[in-house]
Amino acid sequence: MAIMKRARVSQAKNGLSALLDRVRHGHTVIIEDRGVPIARLEPIIGSGDSEGGGARLQRQGLVRPPAKALADTWLERRPPRLLKGRRASEIVLAERRGGPK
């Protein structure tokens, strides 16, 4: 069972790093505004969720697992250049429709 701490908004603003450290160690923090709970900080992987949030999102159909692993050099590549007069959003939408890039 996770230990729960309560913090006022001013305490959360001034001591966010300390609160996040508590969350990393399995604690839950309730943020209150004038004594009224308004938010809850809790670990992404709780004690009852051993598989993590990614598997839960996959089951819900919100994300898909990668088709293949990224190459080790992927981050070293230069990003693709856009064609003059084309916006990235237009290219992505066309690709999703299955049309030309």
C-alpha atoms as a PDB file:
ATOM      1  CA  MET A   1       0.000   0.000   0.000  1.00  0.00           C
ATOM      2  CA  ALA A   2       1.410   3.395  -1.015  1.00  0.00           C
ATOM      3  CA  ILE A   3       1.889   6.090   1.592  1.00  0.00           C
ATOM      4  CA  MET A   4      -0.147   9.221   0.847  1.00  0.00           C
ATOM      5  CA  LYS A   5       1.021  12.763   1.546  1.00  0.00           C
ATOM      6  CA  ARG A   6      -0.989  15.940   1.248  1.00  0.00           C
ATOM      7  CA  ALA A   7       0.540  19.217   0.063  1.00  0.00           C
ATOM      8  CA  ARG A   8      -0.830  22.691  -0.474  1.00  0.00           C
ATOM      9  CA  VAL A   9      -0.411  24.300  -3.904  1.00  0.00           C
ATOM     10  CA  SER A  10       2.267  26.636  -2.527  1.00  0.00           C
ATOM     11  CA  GLN A  11       4.163  23.664  -1.081  1.00  0.00           C
ATOM     12  CA  ALA A  12       3.915  21.863  -4.433  1.00  0.00           C
ATOM     13  CA  LYS A  13       5.238  24.893  -6.328  1.00  0.00           C
ATOM     14  CA  ASN A  14       8.117  25.462  -3.944  1.00  0.00           C
ATOM     15  CA  GLY A  15       9.022  21.826  -3.388  1.00  0.00           C
ATOM     16  CA  LEU A  16       8.076  19.997  -6.575  1.00  0.00           C
ATOM     17  CA  SER A  17      11.406  18.167  -6.809  1.00  0.00           C
ATOM     18  CA  ALA A  18      10.997  16.763  -3.299  1.00  0.00           C
ATOM     19  CA  LEU A  19       7.417  15.688  -4.026  1.00  0.00           C
ATOM     20  CA  LEU A  20       8.481  13.973  -7.258  1.00  0.00           C
ATOM     21  CA  ASP A  21      11.207  12.173  -5.335  1.00  0.00           C
ATOM     22  CA  ARG A  22       8.545  10.814  -2.969  1.00  0.00           C
ATOM     23  CA  VAL A  23       6.484   9.696  -5.973  1.00  0.00           C
ATOM     24  CA  ARG A  24       9.524   7.901  -7.426  1.00  0.00           C
ATOM     25  CA  HIS A  25       9.689   5.931  -4.210  1.00  0.00           C
ATOM     26  CA  GLY A  26       6.084   4.748  -4.505  1.00  0.00           C
ATOM     27  CA  HIS A  27       4.272   7.440  -2.545  1.00  0.00           C
ATOM     28  CA  THR A  28       1.127   9.235  -3.668  1.00  0.00           C
ATOM     29  CA  VAL A  29       0.789  12.998  -3.149  1.00  0.00           C
ATOM     30  CA  ILE A  30      -2.552  14.804  -3.038  1.00  0.00           C
ATOM     31  CA  ILE A  31      -2.351  18.504  -3.995  1.00  0.00           C
ATOM     32  CA  GLU A  32      -4.893  20.683  -2.189  1.00  0.00           C
ATOM     33  CA  ASP A  33      -6.081  24.206  -2.889  1.00  0.00           C
ATOM     34  CA  ARG A  34      -7.460  25.768   0.310  1.00  0.00           C
ATOM     35  CA  GLY A  35      -8.053  22.312   1.758  1.00  0.00           C
ATOM     36  CA  VAL A  36      -9.848  20.957  -1.332  1.00  0.00           C
ATOM     37  CA  PRO A  37      -8.069  18.111  -3.182  1.00  0.00           C
ATOM     38  CA  ILE A  38      -7.478  19.119  -6.804  1.00  0.00           C
ATOM     39  CA  ALA A  39      -4.796  16.738  -8.101  1.00  0.00           C
ATOM     40  CA  ARG A  40      -3.003  13.511  -7.337  1.00  0.00           C
ATOM     41  CA  LEU A  41       0.646  12.733  -8.124  1.00  0.00           C
ATOM     42  CA  GLU A  42       1.279   9.019  -8.222  1.00  0.00           C
ATOM     43  CA  PRO A  43       3.820   6.655  -9.747  1.00  0.00           C
ATOM     44  CA  ILE A  44       3.080   5.599 -13.313  1.00  0.00           C
ATOM     45  CA  ILE A  45       3.841   1.991 -12.429  1.00  0.00           C
ATOM     46  CA  GLY A  46       1.900   1.257  -9.295  1.00  0.00           C
ATOM     47  CA  SER A  47       2.306  -1.743  -7.039  1.00  0.00           C
ATOM     48  CA  GLY A  48      -0.545  -3.548  -8.794  1.00  0.00           C
ATOM     49  CA  ASP A  49       0.600  -2.713 -12.330  1.00  0.00           C
ATOM     50  CA  SER A  50       3.767  -4.740 -12.870  1.00  0.00           C
ATOM     51  CA  GLU A  51       3.634  -4.551 -16.673  1.00  0.00           C
ATOM     52  CA  GLY A  52       3.688  -0.768 -16.868  1.00  0.00           C
ATOM     53  CA  GLY A  53       1.519   1.797 -18.589  1.00  0.00           C
ATOM     54  CA  GLY A  54       2.619   0.906 -22.123  1.00  0.00           C
ATOM     55  CA  ALA A  55       0.954  -2.512 -22.060  1.00  0.00           C
ATOM     56  CA  ARG A  56      -2.234  -0.974 -20.676  1.00  0.00           C
ATOM     57  CA  LEU A  57      -2.294   1.599 -23.498  1.00  0.00           C
ATOM     58  CA  GLN A  58      -1.760  -1.185 -26.055  1.00  0.00           C
ATOM     59  CA  ARG A  59      -4.703  -3.161 -24.637  1.00  0.00           C
ATOM     60  CA  GLN A  60      -6.859  -0.043 -24.879  1.00  0.00           C
ATOM     61  CA  GLY A  61      -5.868   0.343 -28.526  1.00  0.00           C
ATOM     62  CA  LEU A  62      -4.335   3.777 -27.970  1.00  0.00           C
ATOM     63  CA  VAL A  63      -0.790   2.820 -29.021  1.00  0.00           C
ATOM     64  CA  ARG A  64       0.816   0.096 -31.104  1.00  0.00           C
ATOM     65  CA  PRO A  65       4.089  -1.658 -30.372  1.00  0.00           C
ATOM     66  CA  PRO A  66       6.939  -0.828 -32.745  1.00  0.00           C
ATOM     67  CA  ALA A  67       7.082  -2.929 -35.922  1.00  0.00           C
ATOM     68  CA  LYS A  68      10.852  -3.285 -35.536  1.00  0.00           C
ATOM     69  CA  ALA A  69      13.624  -2.015 -33.311  1.00  0.00           C
ATOM     70  CA  LEU A  70      15.329   1.261 -34.219  1.00  0.00           C
ATOM     71  CA  ALA A  71      18.811   1.031 -35.633  1.00  0.00           C
ATOM     72  CA  ASP A  72      21.593   2.131 -33.291  1.00  0.00           C
ATOM     73  CA  THR A  73      22.438   4.976 -35.680  1.00  0.00           C
ATOM     74  CA  TRP A  74      18.875   6.318 -35.890  1.00  0.00           C
ATOM     75  CA  LEU A  75      19.518   9.342 -33.667  1.00  0.00           C
ATOM     76  CA  GLU A  76      22.620  10.254 -35.637  1.00  0.00           C
ATOM     77  CA  ARG A  77      20.716  10.697 -38.908  1.00  0.00           C
ATOM     78  CA  ARG A  78      19.736  14.098 -40.185  1.00  0.00           C
ATOM     79  CA  PRO A  79      15.985  14.718 -40.248  1.00  0.00           C
ATOM     80  CA  PRO A  80      14.334  14.691 -43.666  1.00  0.00           C
ATOM     81  CA  ARG A  81      14.006  18.040 -45.442  1.00  0.00           C
ATOM     82  CA  LEU A  82      10.596  19.292 -46.432  1.00  0.00           C
ATOM     83  CA  LEU A  83       9.852  20.150 -50.019  1.00  0.00           C
ATOM     84  CA  LYS A  84       9.520  23.866 -50.614  1.00  0.00           C
ATOM     85  CA  GLY A  85       5.960  25.001 -50.057  1.00  0.00           C
ATOM     86  CA  ARG A  86       4.868  21.807 -48.229  1.00  0.00           C
ATOM     87  CA  ARG A  87       3.994  21.626 -44.567  1.00  0.00           C
ATOM     88  CA  ALA A  88       4.847  18.586 -42.454  1.00  0.00           C
ATOM     89  CA  SER A  89       1.201  18.192 -41.420  1.00  0.00           C
ATOM     90  CA  GLU A  90       0.110  17.954 -45.082  1.00  0.00           C
ATOM     91  CA  ILE A  91       2.700  15.268 -45.764  1.00  0.00           C
ATOM     92  CA  VAL A  92       1.659  13.238 -42.710  1.00  0.00           C
ATOM     93  CA  LEU A  93      -2.042  13.456 -43.601  1.00  0.00           C
ATOM     94  CA  ALA A  94      -1.369  12.399 -47.187  1.00  0.00           C
ATOM     95  CA  GLU A  95       0.731   9.482 -45.971  1.00  0.00           C
ATOM     96  CA  ARG A  96      -2.057   8.364 -43.619  1.00  0.00           C
ATOM     97  CA  ARG A  97      -4.542   8.429 -46.488  1.00  0.00           C
ATOM     98  CA  GLY A  98      -2.162   6.266 -48.490  1.00  0.00           C
ATOM     99  CA  GLY A  99      -1.558   8.907 -51.115  1.00  0.00           C
ATOM    100  CA  PRO A 100       1.679  10.330 -52.516  1.00  0.00           C
ATOM    101  CA  LYS A 101       4.065  12.026 -50.118  1.00  0.00           C
END
